[in-house]
């Protein structure tokens, strides 16, 4: 196999007693070559059911990408549209679940995801204050937070 992906994850609860992080790593076989999907979500601290929201987000996002990617025979110029669609649909599903009751009202999560092709092309997106970095001689942030703090910094 000429395409080789290596991925790992680590989650630390931080100052909160519960860990509300969720991670999804999956390899997707496509006629144009393999893809690696990486998704990490962090439930919103101080809100109910953060662990439910983050798990739902990564599962939903990866399911949408996997299903829709396999339905597209050619990806030239359209993969970024697929990633944007997956973010929007994931958001809608988390909101819908939060309106179902059972202690889920107000739940929310951040989400950062990357879709990497076998040729090394990468599409990255994020919502909230979870971010992607390029790891090399130094950490280089690739995304910007969607937060009040970032607005103040800007």
Protein backbone atom coordinates (compact mmCIF):
# COMPACT_ATOMS: atom_id res chain seq x y z
CA UNK A 1 0.00 0.00 0.00
CA UNK A 2 1.66 3.23 -1.13
CA UNK A 3 -0.58 5.34 1.12
CA UNK A 4 0.26 5.19 4.78
CA UNK A 5 -1.48 7.17 7.48
CA UNK A 6 -0.41 7.34 11.11
CA UNK A 7 -2.71 8.96 13.65
CA UNK A 8 -3.01 9.05 17.40
CA UNK A 9 -5.03 10.90 19.99
CA UNK A 10 -4.83 11.71 23.66
CA UNK A 11 -7.47 13.26 25.83
CA UNK A 12 -7.00 14.95 29.18
CA UNK A 13 -9.99 15.99 31.29
CA UNK A 14 -8.33 19.19 32.47
CA UNK A 15 -9.86 21.05 35.41
CA UNK A 16 -13.31 19.48 35.07
CA UNK A 17 -14.15 16.22 36.85
CA UNK A 18 -15.58 14.62 33.70
CA UNK A 19 -13.86 14.15 30.37
CA UNK A 20 -16.21 15.38 27.64
CA UNK A 21 -13.85 14.78 24.71
CA UNK A 22 -14.58 12.45 21.81
CA UNK A 23 -12.33 11.43 18.94
CA UNK A 24 -12.91 9.65 15.64
CA UNK A 25 -10.20 8.40 13.31
CA UNK A 26 -11.18 6.45 10.22
CA UNK A 27 -9.69 5.44 6.92
CA UNK A 28 -12.06 5.71 3.99
CA UNK A 29 -11.42 3.79 0.78
CA UNK A 30 -12.45 5.72 -2.32
CA UNK A 31 -11.96 4.92 -6.03
CA UNK A 32 -9.62 7.94 -6.32
CA UNK A 33 -7.52 6.76 -3.37
CA UNK A 34 -7.76 6.52 0.42
CA UNK A 35 -8.72 9.28 2.80
CA UNK A 36 -8.09 9.72 6.50
CA UNK A 37 -10.75 11.45 8.55
CA UNK A 38 -9.82 12.92 11.93
CA UNK A 39 -12.44 14.51 14.16
CA UNK A 40 -12.19 15.75 17.73
CA UNK A 41 -14.97 17.28 19.79
CA UNK A 42 -15.05 18.72 23.30
CA UNK A 43 -18.35 19.10 25.12
CA UNK A 44 -19.04 22.60 26.37
CA UNK A 45 -17.99 22.85 30.00
CA UNK A 46 -20.69 24.06 32.34
CA UNK A 47 -23.42 22.85 29.98
CA UNK A 48 -25.33 19.59 30.41
CA UNK A 49 -24.43 16.37 28.58
CA UNK A 50 -21.21 17.59 26.98
CA UNK A 51 -20.03 14.00 26.58
CA UNK A 52 -23.24 13.15 24.72
CA UNK A 53 -22.87 16.15 22.40
CA UNK A 54 -19.21 15.46 21.61
CA UNK A 55 -19.79 11.76 20.89
CA UNK A 56 -22.80 12.57 18.72
CA UNK A 57 -20.78 15.19 16.83
CA UNK A 58 -17.82 12.97 15.91
CA UNK A 59 -20.04 10.00 15.00
CA UNK A 60 -22.39 12.15 12.92
CA UNK A 61 -19.59 14.01 11.17
CA UNK A 62 -17.66 10.86 10.26
CA UNK A 63 -20.84 9.09 9.12
CA UNK A 64 -21.79 11.96 6.81
CA UNK A 65 -18.29 12.22 5.33
CA UNK A 66 -18.03 8.47 4.82
CA UNK A 67 -21.47 8.11 3.23
CA UNK A 68 -21.25 11.17 0.98
CA UNK A 69 -17.62 10.65 -0.01
CA UNK A 70 -18.35 7.15 -1.23
CA UNK A 71 -21.32 8.45 -3.24
CA UNK A 72 -19.06 10.83 -5.21
CA UNK A 73 -17.12 9.18 -8.03
CA UNK A 74 -14.96 12.26 -8.61
CA UNK A 75 -13.85 14.76 -5.97
CA UNK A 76 -12.13 17.52 -7.92
CA UNK A 77 -13.08 20.84 -6.37
CA UNK A 78 -15.94 19.46 -4.28
CA UNK A 79 -14.39 17.90 -1.16
CA UNK A 80 -14.44 21.22 0.74
CA UNK A 81 -18.18 21.50 0.03
CA UNK A 82 -18.66 18.05 1.53
CA UNK A 83 -16.76 19.05 4.70
CA UNK A 84 -18.83 22.24 5.04
CA UNK A 85 -22.05 20.25 4.56
CA UNK A 86 -20.95 17.76 7.22
CA UNK A 87 -20.29 20.57 9.72
CA UNK A 88 -23.72 22.11 9.06
CA UNK A 89 -25.58 18.79 9.29
CA UNK A 90 -23.69 17.78 12.44
CA UNK A 91 -24.63 21.10 14.05
CA UNK A 92 -28.30 20.58 13.14
CA UNK A 93 -28.32 17.07 14.62
CA UNK A 94 -26.69 18.15 17.88
CA UNK A 95 -29.22 20.99 18.22
CA UNK A 96 -32.11 18.62 17.44
CA UNK A 97 -30.87 16.15 20.06
CA UNK A 98 -30.54 18.95 22.63
CA UNK A 99 -34.23 19.77 22.11
CA UNK A 100 -35.36 16.21 22.89
CA UNK A 101 -35.23 16.63 26.66
CA UNK A 102 -33.93 13.97 29.04
CA UNK A 103 -31.30 16.31 30.51
CA UNK A 104 -29.88 17.24 27.11
CA UNK A 105 -31.28 20.78 26.88
CA UNK A 106 -28.50 23.26 26.21
CA UNK A 107 -25.85 20.68 25.41
CA UNK A 108 -23.21 21.69 22.94
CA UNK A 109 -19.75 20.85 21.69
CA UNK A 110 -16.80 22.13 19.73
CA UNK A 111 -15.60 20.23 16.68
CA UNK A 112 -12.39 20.26 14.68
CA UNK A 113 -11.92 17.89 11.76
CA UNK A 114 -9.54 17.14 8.93
CA UNK A 115 -10.07 15.15 5.76
CA UNK A 116 -6.70 14.08 4.33
CA UNK A 117 -6.23 12.50 0.91
CA UNK A 118 -3.58 9.91 0.12
CA UNK A 119 -1.75 12.57 -1.89
CA UNK A 120 -1.48 14.74 1.22
CA UNK A 121 -4.20 17.28 0.42
CA UNK A 122 -6.03 18.30 3.56
CA UNK A 123 -9.25 20.14 4.32
CA UNK A 124 -9.59 21.36 7.91
CA UNK A 125 -12.53 22.97 9.63
CA UNK A 126 -13.51 23.89 13.14
CA UNK A 127 -16.35 25.24 15.23
CA UNK A 128 -15.77 26.66 18.69
CA UNK A 129 -12.48 26.79 20.50
CA UNK A 130 -11.04 23.42 19.54
CA UNK A 131 -8.27 23.96 17.05
CA UNK A 132 -5.95 22.18 14.64
CA UNK A 133 -2.18 22.57 14.67
CA UNK A 134 0.59 21.63 12.30
CA UNK A 135 3.21 19.85 14.38
CA UNK A 136 6.80 20.43 13.32
CA UNK A 137 9.69 22.32 14.82
CA UNK A 138 6.97 24.38 16.50
CA UNK A 139 3.21 24.20 16.82
CA UNK A 140 1.56 26.23 14.10
CA UNK A 141 -2.17 26.90 14.57
CA UNK A 142 -4.14 26.12 11.41
CA UNK A 143 -7.58 27.20 12.62
CA UNK A 144 -8.93 30.16 14.55
CA UNK A 145 -11.14 29.90 17.60
CA UNK A 146 -14.74 30.97 17.44
CA UNK A 147 -14.88 32.51 20.89
CA UNK A 148 -15.29 35.80 22.70
CA UNK A 149 -11.64 35.64 23.75
CA UNK A 150 -10.52 35.37 20.11
CA UNK A 151 -12.77 38.30 19.19
CA UNK A 152 -11.06 40.40 21.87
CA UNK A 153 -7.61 39.34 20.67
CA UNK A 154 -8.54 40.27 17.09
